[in-house]
Amino acid sequence: MKVILTCALTGVLTDPKDHPVPVTPSEMAEEARRAYDAGAAMVHVHFRRQEPGMGRLPSWDPEVAGAITDAIRARCPGILINMSTGVVGPDLSGPLACLERVRPEMAALNAGSLNYLRTRSGGPAVDGAKPRPVWAWPPMVFDNSVEKIKTFASAMAALGVVPECECFDTGIVRSVGMFEEVGILPPPVHISLVMGVASGMPCKAEWLPLLTAELPKRAHFQTIAIGRAEVWPVHRRTAELGGHLRTGLEDTFYLPNGDKATSNGQLVQALAQVARECGRELATPDEARELIRHA
């Protein structure tokens, strides 16, 4: 099977003042073009606020979403759009409005809840002891109840959007099979193994045979590898096991040689090389359209 290369262009909260992530429609379109020219058939998009100085924050304005995706489609004929829908809390009106405006070929469906945690060094020393790590941000729950999942799945079905089930932990992977069994999701399901979130699955290639053994029959899978040097062995093992591949400035800033990437195109070029070394041919956008809808 040919491999779909997806490029995650910008992410949720990465500050464009600190990292070379695109924000405006023209910036998103140009970065998408670099990825497209390097072999990406699909781009995963998050939308950011467009007011000056606010580009580090997400936007659920459907007009912003439409302007960004219209610019990408004009710059990259035929490319597939995969839209984020991740939101904390019960108000789904923003993502649902954006789905209606964009009508992407695929959209992320966060398939279970996670305590979203990370620590950092720099806590205060107590009684002369070594400083204890502290939370990098206040502990939060990325809540994705079954009702929330059903709402998104129903909206995607009505719009002809293929769900991409993002799984941050092993129990979430197994839950997707149950969603298929009870009719929330149609087969074949698409599963993304999100590896590298500190409180989720680690970014380790040796986990992949065990995780893929838990996939529902006929399921497609890709890995979302988050980190630095550790992401590249995961990509290689994914390609060897028949999975699809994703990279981009949302997931990593680092090339296989350790250099810092300055564009999404560099990361996709490196990932395409990994795919070819594993004997996988890259899917064109038209081929990707067929692949995401059929086993």
C-alpha atoms as a PDB file:
ATOM      1  CA  MET A   1       0.000   0.000   0.000  1.00  0.00           C
ATOM      2  CA  LYS A   2       1.205   3.479  -0.812  1.00  0.00           C
ATOM      3  CA  VAL A   3       1.939   5.769   2.114  1.00  0.00           C
ATOM      4  CA  ILE A   4       0.116   9.032   2.781  1.00  0.00           C
ATOM      5  CA  LEU A   5       2.437  11.773   4.002  1.00  0.00           C
ATOM      6  CA  THR A   6       0.700  14.364   6.172  1.00  0.00           C
ATOM      7  CA  CYS A   7       2.253  17.623   7.286  1.00  0.00           C
ATOM      8  CA  ALA A   8       1.058  19.226  10.538  1.00  0.00           C
ATOM      9  CA  LEU A   9       1.811  22.831   9.716  1.00  0.00           C
ATOM     10  CA  THR A  10       1.614  24.813  12.937  1.00  0.00           C
ATOM     11  CA  GLY A  11       0.056  23.209  16.043  1.00  0.00           C
ATOM     12  CA  VAL A  12      -2.051  24.626  18.843  1.00  0.00           C
ATOM     13  CA  LEU A  13      -0.059  27.126  20.910  1.00  0.00           C
ATOM     14  CA  THR A  14       3.476  27.309  19.485  1.00  0.00           C
ATOM     15  CA  ASP A  15       4.455  30.967  19.613  1.00  0.00           C
ATOM     16  CA  PRO A  16       5.470  32.342  16.181  1.00  0.00           C
ATOM     17  CA  LYS A  17       7.786  34.757  17.996  1.00  0.00           C
ATOM     18  CA  ASP A  18       9.868  31.789  19.158  1.00  0.00           C
ATOM     19  CA  HIS A  19       9.496  29.266  16.313  1.00  0.00           C
ATOM     20  CA  PRO A  20       9.045  29.439  12.518  1.00  0.00           C
ATOM     21  CA  VAL A  21       5.361  28.412  12.526  1.00  0.00           C
ATOM     22  CA  PRO A  22       2.880  29.899  10.050  1.00  0.00           C
ATOM     23  CA  VAL A  23      -0.195  31.800  11.214  1.00  0.00           C
ATOM     24  CA  THR A  24      -1.727  33.945   8.451  1.00  0.00           C
ATOM     25  CA  PRO A  25      -3.496  32.497   5.394  1.00  0.00           C
ATOM     26  CA  SER A  26      -0.574  33.401   3.142  1.00  0.00           C
ATOM     27  CA  GLU A  27       1.976  31.918   5.543  1.00  0.00           C
ATOM     28  CA  MET A  28      -0.059  28.733   5.926  1.00  0.00           C
ATOM     29  CA  ALA A  29      -0.414  28.427   2.158  1.00  0.00           C
ATOM     30  CA  GLU A  30       3.299  28.910   1.534  1.00  0.00           C
ATOM     31  CA  GLU A  31       4.264  26.338   4.186  1.00  0.00           C
ATOM     32  CA  ALA A  32       1.687  23.933   2.781  1.00  0.00           C
ATOM     33  CA  ARG A  33       3.232  24.397  -0.660  1.00  0.00           C
ATOM     34  CA  ARG A  34       6.685  23.553   0.666  1.00  0.00           C
ATOM     35  CA  ALA A  35       5.272  20.366   2.198  1.00  0.00           C
ATOM     36  CA  TYR A  36       3.294  19.571  -0.964  1.00  0.00           C
ATOM     37  CA  ASP A  37       6.375  19.947  -3.166  1.00  0.00           C
ATOM     38  CA  ALA A  38       8.276  17.603  -0.821  1.00  0.00           C
ATOM     39  CA  GLY A  39       5.643  14.867  -1.109  1.00  0.00           C
ATOM     40  CA  ALA A  40       2.837  15.627   1.354  1.00  0.00           C
ATOM     41  CA  ALA A  41      -0.620  14.665   0.100  1.00  0.00           C
ATOM     42  CA  MET A  42      -2.393  16.083   3.159  1.00  0.00           C
ATOM     43  CA  VAL A  43      -1.950  18.927   5.612  1.00  0.00           C
ATOM     44  CA  HIS A  44      -3.226  18.967   9.180  1.00  0.00           C
ATOM     45  CA  VAL A  45      -4.304  22.487  10.105  1.00  0.00           C
ATOM     46  CA  HIS A  46      -4.939  24.425  13.286  1.00  0.00           C
ATOM     47  CA  PHE A  47      -6.317  27.927  13.049  1.00  0.00           C
ATOM     48  CA  ARG A  48      -4.800  30.865  14.914  1.00  0.00           C
ATOM     49  CA  ARG A  49      -6.057  34.285  15.838  1.00  0.00           C
ATOM     50  CA  GLN A  50      -5.163  36.847  13.192  1.00  0.00           C
ATOM     51  CA  GLU A  51      -4.980  40.043  15.269  1.00  0.00           C
ATOM     52  CA  PRO A  52      -1.455  41.494  15.623  1.00  0.00           C
ATOM     53  CA  GLY A  53       0.433  39.817  18.450  1.00  0.00           C
ATOM     54  CA  MET A  54      -2.238  37.144  19.005  1.00  0.00           C
ATOM     55  CA  GLY A  55      -0.976  34.469  16.610  1.00  0.00           C
ATOM     56  CA  ARG A  56       0.027  32.145  19.452  1.00  0.00           C
ATOM     57  CA  LEU A  57      -3.643  31.579  20.353  1.00  0.00           C
ATOM     58  CA  PRO A  58      -6.194  29.317  18.655  1.00  0.00           C
ATOM     59  CA  SER A  59      -9.179  30.598  16.702  1.00  0.00           C
ATOM     60  CA  TRP A  60     -12.534  28.926  16.040  1.00  0.00           C
ATOM     61  CA  ASP A  61     -13.771  31.715  13.795  1.00  0.00           C
ATOM     62  CA  PRO A  62     -15.118  29.967  10.668  1.00  0.00           C
ATOM     63  CA  GLU A  63     -14.100  32.922   8.523  1.00  0.00           C
ATOM     64  CA  VAL A  64     -10.490  32.552   9.683  1.00  0.00           C
ATOM     65  CA  ALA A  65     -10.689  28.805   9.049  1.00  0.00           C
ATOM     66  CA  GLY A  66     -12.135  29.397   5.606  1.00  0.00           C
ATOM     67  CA  ALA A  67      -9.557  31.995   4.622  1.00  0.00           C
ATOM     68  CA  ILE A  68      -6.691  29.702   5.655  1.00  0.00           C
ATOM     69  CA  THR A  69      -7.984  26.576   3.926  1.00  0.00           C
ATOM     70  CA  ASP A  70      -9.064  28.459   0.798  1.00  0.00           C
ATOM     71  CA  ALA A  71      -5.522  29.847   0.529  1.00  0.00           C
ATOM     72  CA  ILE A  72      -3.982  26.386   0.989  1.00  0.00           C
ATOM     73  CA  ARG A  73      -6.251  24.815  -1.634  1.00  0.00           C
ATOM     74  CA  ALA A  74      -5.485  27.574  -4.122  1.00  0.00           C
ATOM     75  CA  ARG A  75      -1.723  27.226  -3.593  1.00  0.00           C
ATOM     76  CA  CYS A  76      -1.676  23.404  -3.533  1.00  0.00           C
ATOM     77  CA  PRO A  77      -4.133  22.024  -6.108  1.00  0.00           C
ATOM     78  CA  GLY A  78      -5.700  18.777  -4.963  1.00  0.00           C
ATOM     79  CA  ILE A  79      -4.133  18.648  -1.510  1.00  0.00           C
ATOM     80  CA  LEU A  80      -6.258  17.106   1.257  1.00  0.00           C
ATOM     81  CA  ILE A  81      -7.171  19.118   4.341  1.00  0.00           C
ATOM     82  CA  ASN A  82      -7.204  17.465   7.766  1.00  0.00           C
ATOM     83  CA  MET A  83      -8.698  19.897  10.296  1.00  0.00           C
ATOM     84  CA  SER A  84      -8.192  19.928  14.043  1.00  0.00           C
ATOM     85  CA  THR A  85     -11.315  19.822  16.211  1.00  0.00           C
ATOM     86  CA  GLY A  86      -9.663  19.537  19.641  1.00  0.00           C
ATOM     87  CA  VAL A  87     -11.309  21.709  22.260  1.00  0.00           C
ATOM     88  CA  VAL A  88     -11.485  21.542  26.042  1.00  0.00           C
ATOM     89  CA  GLY A  89     -14.945  21.711  27.573  1.00  0.00           C
ATOM     90  CA  PRO A  90     -18.500  21.100  26.358  1.00  0.00           C
ATOM     91  CA  ASP A  91     -18.858  23.984  23.878  1.00  0.00           C
ATOM     92  CA  LEU A  92     -18.334  22.448  20.437  1.00  0.00           C
ATOM     93  CA  SER A  93     -19.928  25.272  18.461  1.00  0.00           C
ATOM     94  CA  GLY A  94     -16.608  26.662  17.187  1.00  0.00           C
ATOM     95  CA  PRO A  95     -15.170  23.423  15.778  1.00  0.00           C
ATOM     96  CA  LEU A  96     -18.561  22.437  14.339  1.00  0.00           C
ATOM     97  CA  ALA A  97     -18.885  25.804  12.577  1.00  0.00           C
ATOM     98  CA  CYS A  98     -15.381  25.429  11.170  1.00  0.00           C
ATOM     99  CA  LEU A  99     -16.154  21.907   9.922  1.00  0.00           C
ATOM    100  CA  GLU A 100     -19.201  23.276   8.124  1.00  0.00           C
ATOM    101  CA  ARG A 101     -17.201  26.111   6.528  1.00  0.00           C
ATOM    102  CA  VAL A 102     -14.086  24.130   5.589  1.00  0.00           C
ATOM    103  CA  ARG A 103     -15.590  20.718   4.739  1.00  0.00           C
ATOM    104  CA  PRO A 104     -12.205  19.013   4.968  1.00  0.00           C
ATOM    105  CA  GLU A 105     -11.544  15.576   3.572  1.00  0.00           C
ATOM    106  CA  MET A 106     -10.522  14.417   7.065  1.00  0.00           C
ATOM    107  CA  ALA A 107     -10.732  15.825  10.576  1.00  0.00           C
ATOM    108  CA  ALA A 108      -9.150  14.919  13.887  1.00  0.00           C
ATOM    109  CA  LEU A 109     -11.472  13.119  16.293  1.00  0.00           C
ATOM    110  CA  ASN A 110      -9.879  12.971  19.723  1.00  0.00           C
ATOM    111  CA  ALA A 111     -10.967   9.507  20.797  1.00  0.00           C
ATOM    112  CA  GLY A 112     -10.599   9.622  24.593  1.00  0.00           C
ATOM    113  CA  SER A 113      -9.777  11.771  27.598  1.00  0.00           C
ATOM    114  CA  LEU A 114      -6.298  12.382  28.985  1.00  0.00           C
ATOM    115  CA  ASN A 115      -4.783  14.131  31.988  1.00  0.00           C
ATOM    116  CA  TYR A 116      -2.623  16.494  29.949  1.00  0.00           C
ATOM    117  CA  LEU A 117       0.477  16.927  32.096  1.00  0.00           C
ATOM    118  CA  ARG A 118       4.093  17.983  31.853  1.00  0.00           C
ATOM    119  CA  THR A 119       6.751  18.898  34.379  1.00  0.00           C
ATOM    120  CA  ARG A 120       9.748  21.205  34.180  1.00  0.00           C
ATOM    121  CA  SER A 121      12.774  21.852  36.345  1.00  0.00           C
ATOM    122  CA  GLY A 122      13.109  24.984  38.410  1.00  0.00           C
ATOM    123  CA  GLY A 123      11.008  24.351  41.470  1.00  0.00           C
ATOM    124  CA  PRO A 124      12.122  25.831  44.786  1.00  0.00           C
ATOM    125  CA  ALA A 125      14.628  23.978  46.944  1.00  0.00           C
ATOM    126  CA  VAL A 126      13.156  22.795  50.253  1.00  0.00           C
ATOM    127  CA  ASP A 127      15.408  22.461  53.326  1.00  0.00           C
ATOM    128  CA  GLY A 128      18.509  22.406  51.152  1.00  0.00           C
ATOM    129  CA  ALA A 129      17.297  19.434  49.082  1.00  0.00           C
ATOM    130  CA  LYS A 130      17.589  19.275  45.311  1.00  0.00           C
ATOM    131  CA  PRO A 131      14.810  21.354  43.678  1.00  0.00           C
ATOM    132  CA  ARG A 132      11.775  19.283  42.828  1.00  0.00           C
ATOM    133  CA  PRO A 133      10.239  19.551  39.325  1.00  0.00           C
ATOM    134  CA  VAL A 134       7.053  21.577  39.029  1.00  0.00           C
ATOM    135  CA  TRP A 135       4.149  21.520  36.593  1.00  0.00           C
ATOM    136  CA  ALA A 136       4.954  23.156  33.256  1.00  0.00           C
ATOM    137  CA  TRP A 137       1.318  24.304  33.191  1.00  0.00           C
ATOM    138  CA  PRO A 138      -1.589  23.798  35.583  1.00  0.00           C
ATOM    139  CA  PRO A 139      -2.771  20.159  35.340  1.00  0.00           C
ATOM    140  CA  MET A 140      -5.679  19.934  32.925  1.00  0.00           C
ATOM    141  CA  VAL A 141      -8.027  17.297  31.574  1.00  0.00           C
ATOM    142  CA  PHE A 142      -8.341  17.055  27.805  1.00  0.00           C
ATOM    143  CA  ASP A 143     -11.906  15.829  28.041  1.00  0.00           C
ATOM    144  CA  ASN A 144     -13.315  13.717  25.232  1.00  0.00           C
ATOM    145  CA  SER A 145     -16.388  11.905  26.523  1.00  0.00           C
ATOM    146  CA  VAL A 146     -18.313   9.372  24.462  1.00  0.00           C
ATOM    147  CA  GLU A 147     -21.086  11.939  23.974  1.00  0.00           C
ATOM    148  CA  LYS A 148     -18.591  14.482  22.680  1.00  0.00           C
ATOM    149  CA  ILE A 149     -17.101  11.892  20.324  1.00  0.00           C
ATOM    150  CA  LYS A 150     -20.594  10.948  19.077  1.00  0.00           C
ATOM    151  CA  THR A 151     -21.406  14.589  18.366  1.00  0.00           C
ATOM    152  CA  PHE A 152     -18.274  15.092  16.300  1.00  0.00           C
ATOM    153  CA  ALA A 153     -18.643  11.730  14.537  1.00  0.00           C
ATOM    154  CA  SER A 154     -22.227  12.546  13.547  1.00  0.00           C
ATOM    155  CA  ALA A 155     -21.262  15.988  12.239  1.00  0.00           C
ATOM    156  CA  MET A 156     -18.407  14.528  10.217  1.00  0.00           C
ATOM    157  CA  ALA A 157     -20.650  11.837   8.747  1.00  0.00           C
ATOM    158  CA  ALA A 158     -23.208  14.441   7.675  1.00  0.00           C
ATOM    159  CA  LEU A 159     -20.505  16.452   5.908  1.00  0.00           C
ATOM    160  CA  GLY A 160     -18.711  13.485   4.323  1.00  0.00           C
ATOM    161  CA  VAL A 161     -15.593  14.026   6.465  1.00  0.00           C
ATOM    162  CA  VAL A 162     -13.458  11.018   7.386  1.00  0.00           C
ATOM    163  CA  PRO A 163     -12.649  10.914  11.143  1.00  0.00           C
ATOM    164  CA  GLU A 164      -8.991  10.582  12.148  1.00  0.00           C
ATOM    165  CA  CYS A 165      -9.114   9.034  15.638  1.00  0.00           C
ATOM    166  CA  GLU A 166      -6.285  10.508  17.690  1.00  0.00           C
ATOM    167  CA  CYS A 167      -5.265   8.132  20.482  1.00  0.00           C
ATOM    168  CA  PHE A 168      -2.967   9.358  23.229  1.00  0.00           C
ATOM    169  CA  ASP A 169      -2.893   6.126  25.222  1.00  0.00           C
ATOM    170  CA  THR A 170      -3.428   2.392  24.792  1.00  0.00           C
ATOM    171  CA  GLY A 171      -6.921   2.297  26.304  1.00  0.00           C
ATOM    172  CA  ILE A 172      -8.010   4.936  23.807  1.00  0.00           C
ATOM    173  CA  VAL A 173      -6.723   2.756  20.950  1.00  0.00           C
ATOM    174  CA  ARG A 174      -8.865  -0.116  22.202  1.00  0.00           C
ATOM    175  CA  SER A 175     -11.874   2.148  22.679  1.00  0.00           C
ATOM    176  CA  VAL A 176     -11.918   3.029  18.985  1.00  0.00           C
ATOM    177  CA  GLY A 177     -12.687  -0.612  18.207  1.00  0.00           C
ATOM    178  CA  MET A 178     -15.704  -0.398  20.509  1.00  0.00           C
ATOM    179  CA  PHE A 179     -16.871   2.820  18.832  1.00  0.00           C
ATOM    180  CA  GLU A 180     -16.826   0.888  15.565  1.00  0.00           C
ATOM    181  CA  GLU A 181     -18.669  -2.076  17.110  1.00  0.00           C
ATOM    182  CA  VAL A 182     -21.574   0.037  18.393  1.00  0.00           C
ATOM    183  CA  GLY A 183     -21.876   2.077  15.185  1.00  0.00           C
ATOM    184  CA  ILE A 184     -20.439   5.434  16.280  1.00  0.00           C
ATOM    185  CA  LEU A 185     -17.702   5.106  13.650  1.00  0.00           C
ATOM    186  CA  PRO A 186     -17.954   3.435  10.230  1.00  0.00           C
ATOM    187  CA  PRO A 187     -15.259   1.021   9.063  1.00  0.00           C
ATOM    188  CA  PRO A 188     -12.486   1.230   8.132  1.00  0.00           C
ATOM    189  CA  VAL A 189     -11.418   3.359  11.077  1.00  0.00           C
ATOM    190  CA  HIS A 190      -8.368   5.611  10.892  1.00  0.00           C
ATOM    191  CA  ILE A 191      -6.225   5.655  14.011  1.00  0.00           C
ATOM    192  CA  SER A 192      -3.392   8.023  14.851  1.00  0.00           C
ATOM    193  CA  LEU A 193      -1.060   6.763  17.558  1.00  0.00           C
ATOM    194  CA  VAL A 194      -0.021   9.957  19.339  1.00  0.00           C
ATOM    195  CA  MET A 195       3.368   9.175  20.876  1.00  0.00           C
ATOM    196  CA  GLY A 196       5.432  11.572  22.952  1.00  0.00           C
ATOM    197  CA  VAL A 197       2.951  13.515  25.074  1.00  0.00           C
ATOM    198  CA  ALA A 198       4.462  13.306  28.566  1.00  0.00           C
ATOM    199  CA  SER A 199       1.339  11.805  30.157  1.00  0.00           C
ATOM    200  CA  GLY A 200       0.483   9.560  27.207  1.00  0.00           C
ATOM    201  CA  MET A 201       2.246   6.880  25.151  1.00  0.00           C
ATOM    202  CA  PRO A 202       6.015   7.298  24.919  1.00  0.00           C
ATOM    203  CA  CYS A 203       7.651   7.946  21.575  1.00  0.00           C
ATOM    204  CA  LYS A 204       9.308   4.524  21.295  1.00  0.00           C
ATOM    205  CA  ALA A 205       9.511   2.420  18.148  1.00  0.00           C
ATOM    206  CA  GLU A 206       9.481  -0.831  20.127  1.00  0.00           C
ATOM    207  CA  TRP A 207       5.898  -0.100  21.243  1.00  0.00           C
ATOM    208  CA  LEU A 208       4.535  -0.146  17.696  1.00  0.00           C
ATOM    209  CA  PRO A 209       4.117  -3.924  17.151  1.00  0.00           C
ATOM    210  CA  LEU A 210       2.156  -4.169  20.406  1.00  0.00           C
ATOM    211  CA  LEU A 211      -0.025  -1.164  19.580  1.00  0.00           C
ATOM    212  CA  THR A 212      -0.784  -2.254  16.027  1.00  0.00           C
ATOM    213  CA  ALA A 213      -1.822  -5.672  17.351  1.00  0.00           C
ATOM    214  CA  GLU A 214      -4.653  -3.877  19.196  1.00  0.00           C
ATOM    215  CA  LEU A 215      -6.050  -2.148  16.100  1.00  0.00           C
ATOM    216  CA  PRO A 216      -9.501  -3.108  14.810  1.00  0.00           C
ATOM    217  CA  LYS A 217      -9.565  -5.249  11.678  1.00  0.00           C
ATOM    218  CA  ARG A 218      -9.051  -3.319   8.448  1.00  0.00           C
ATOM    219  CA  ALA A 219      -7.988  -0.196  10.373  1.00  0.00           C
ATOM    220  CA  HIS A 220      -5.586   2.289   8.843  1.00  0.00           C
ATOM    221  CA  PHE A 221      -3.003   3.830  11.131  1.00  0.00           C
ATOM    222  CA  GLN A 222      -0.399   6.541  11.282  1.00  0.00           C
ATOM    223  CA  THR A 223       1.887   7.721  14.036  1.00  0.00           C
ATOM    224  CA  ILE A 224       2.092  11.251  15.377  1.00  0.00           C
ATOM    225  CA  ALA A 225       5.596  11.281  16.840  1.00  0.00           C
ATOM    226  CA  ILE A 226       6.327  14.209  19.142  1.00  0.00           C
ATOM    227  CA  GLY A 227       9.872  14.969  20.265  1.00  0.00           C
ATOM    228  CA  ARG A 228      13.386  15.291  18.897  1.00  0.00           C
ATOM    229  CA  ALA A 229      15.743  12.505  17.799  1.00  0.00           C
ATOM    230  CA  GLU A 230      13.356   9.812  19.059  1.00  0.00           C
ATOM    231  CA  VAL A 231      10.730  10.588  16.429  1.00  0.00           C
ATOM    232  CA  TRP A 232      12.739   9.306  13.473  1.00  0.00           C
ATOM    233  CA  PRO A 233      13.043   5.637  14.558  1.00  0.00           C
ATOM    234  CA  VAL A 234       9.274   5.709  15.167  1.00  0.00           C
ATOM    235  CA  HIS A 235       8.670   6.989  11.632  1.00  0.00           C
ATOM    236  CA  ARG A 236      10.901   4.278  10.173  1.00  0.00           C
ATOM    237  CA  ARG A 237       9.186   1.490  12.115  1.00  0.00           C
ATOM    238  CA  THR A 238       5.777   2.861  11.142  1.00  0.00           C
ATOM    239  CA  ALA A 239       6.751   2.739   7.476  1.00  0.00           C
ATOM    240  CA  GLU A 240       8.014  -0.827   7.883  1.00  0.00           C
ATOM    241  CA  LEU A 241       4.714  -1.887   9.502  1.00  0.00           C
ATOM    242  CA  GLY A 242       2.590  -0.404   6.719  1.00  0.00           C
ATOM    243  CA  GLY A 243       1.403   2.742   8.469  1.00  0.00           C
ATOM    244  CA  HIS A 244       0.976   6.227   7.124  1.00  0.00           C
ATOM    245  CA  LEU A 245       3.374   8.999   8.140  1.00  0.00           C
ATOM    246  CA  ARG A 246       3.076  12.488   9.567  1.00  0.00           C
ATOM    247  CA  THR A 247       5.546  15.202  10.496  1.00  0.00           C
ATOM    248  CA  GLY A 248       5.608  18.992  10.656  1.00  0.00           C
ATOM    249  CA  LEU A 249       6.433  21.881  12.926  1.00  0.00           C
ATOM    250  CA  GLU A 250       3.523  20.932  15.186  1.00  0.00           C
ATOM    251  CA  ASP A 251       5.293  17.673  16.074  1.00  0.00           C
ATOM    252  CA  THR A 252       9.025  18.400  15.960  1.00  0.00           C
ATOM    253  CA  PHE A 253      11.525  21.094  15.108  1.00  0.00           C
ATOM    254  CA  TYR A 254      14.393  18.656  14.483  1.00  0.00           C
ATOM    255  CA  LEU A 255      15.695  16.915  11.372  1.00  0.00           C
ATOM    256  CA  PRO A 256      17.252  13.419  11.522  1.00  0.00           C
ATOM    257  CA  ASN A 257      20.775  14.878  11.750  1.00  0.00           C
ATOM    258  CA  GLY A 258      19.799  17.001  14.769  1.00  0.00           C
ATOM    259  CA  ASP A 259      19.660  20.292  12.899  1.00  0.00           C
ATOM    260  CA  LYS A 260      16.696  22.537  13.582  1.00  0.00           C
ATOM    261  CA  ALA A 261      14.206  22.707  10.722  1.00  0.00           C
ATOM    262  CA  THR A 262      13.329  26.104   9.330  1.00  0.00           C
ATOM    263  CA  SER A 263      10.304  24.930   7.326  1.00  0.00           C
ATOM    264  CA  ASN A 264       7.761  22.158   7.090  1.00  0.00           C
ATOM    265  CA  GLY A 265       9.152  21.282   3.679  1.00  0.00           C
ATOM    266  CA  GLN A 266      12.464  20.183   5.185  1.00  0.00           C
ATOM    267  CA  LEU A 267      10.712  17.833   7.585  1.00  0.00           C
ATOM    268  CA  VAL A 268       8.502  16.308   4.878  1.00  0.00           C
ATOM    269  CA  GLN A 269      11.508  15.855   2.596  1.00  0.00           C
ATOM    270  CA  ALA A 270      13.290  13.919   5.344  1.00  0.00           C
ATOM    271  CA  LEU A 271      10.185  11.818   6.036  1.00  0.00           C
ATOM    272  CA  ALA A 272       9.737  11.036   2.339  1.00  0.00           C
ATOM    273  CA  GLN A 273      13.307   9.756   2.305  1.00  0.00           C
ATOM    274  CA  VAL A 274      12.537   7.444   5.234  1.00  0.00           C
ATOM    275  CA  ALA A 275       9.471   6.119   3.404  1.00  0.00           C
ATOM    276  CA  ARG A 276      11.436   5.401   0.234  1.00  0.00           C
ATOM    277  CA  GLU A 277      14.226   3.692   2.162  1.00  0.00           C
ATOM    278  CA  CYS A 278      11.552   1.371   3.581  1.00  0.00           C
ATOM    279  CA  GLY A 279      10.264   0.558   0.100  1.00  0.00           C
ATOM    280  CA  ARG A 280       7.101   2.661   0.336  1.00  0.00           C
ATOM    281  CA  GLU A 281       5.836   4.744  -2.556  1.00  0.00           C
ATOM    282  CA  LEU A 282       4.284   8.115  -1.769  1.00  0.00           C
ATOM    283  CA  ALA A 283       0.559   8.505  -2.418  1.00  0.00           C
ATOM    284  CA  THR A 284      -0.530  11.403  -4.581  1.00  0.00           C
ATOM    285  CA  PRO A 285      -3.439  13.508  -3.319  1.00  0.00           C
ATOM    286  CA  ASP A 286      -5.833  11.631  -5.613  1.00  0.00           C
ATOM    287  CA  GLU A 287      -4.539   8.293  -4.357  1.00  0.00           C
ATOM    288  CA  ALA A 288      -4.813   9.520  -0.772  1.00  0.00           C
ATOM    289  CA  ARG A 289      -8.482  10.357  -1.337  1.00  0.00           C
ATOM    290  CA  GLU A 290      -9.132   6.752  -2.306  1.00  0.00           C
ATOM    291  CA  LEU A 291      -7.039   5.315   0.497  1.00  0.00           C
ATOM    292  CA  ILE A 292      -8.784   7.171   3.319  1.00  0.00           C
ATOM    293  CA  ARG A 293     -12.179   5.869   2.252  1.00  0.00           C
ATOM    294  CA  HIS A 294     -11.369   2.239   1.549  1.00  0.00           C
ATOM    295  CA  ALA A 295      -9.590  -0.597   3.342  1.00  0.00           C
END
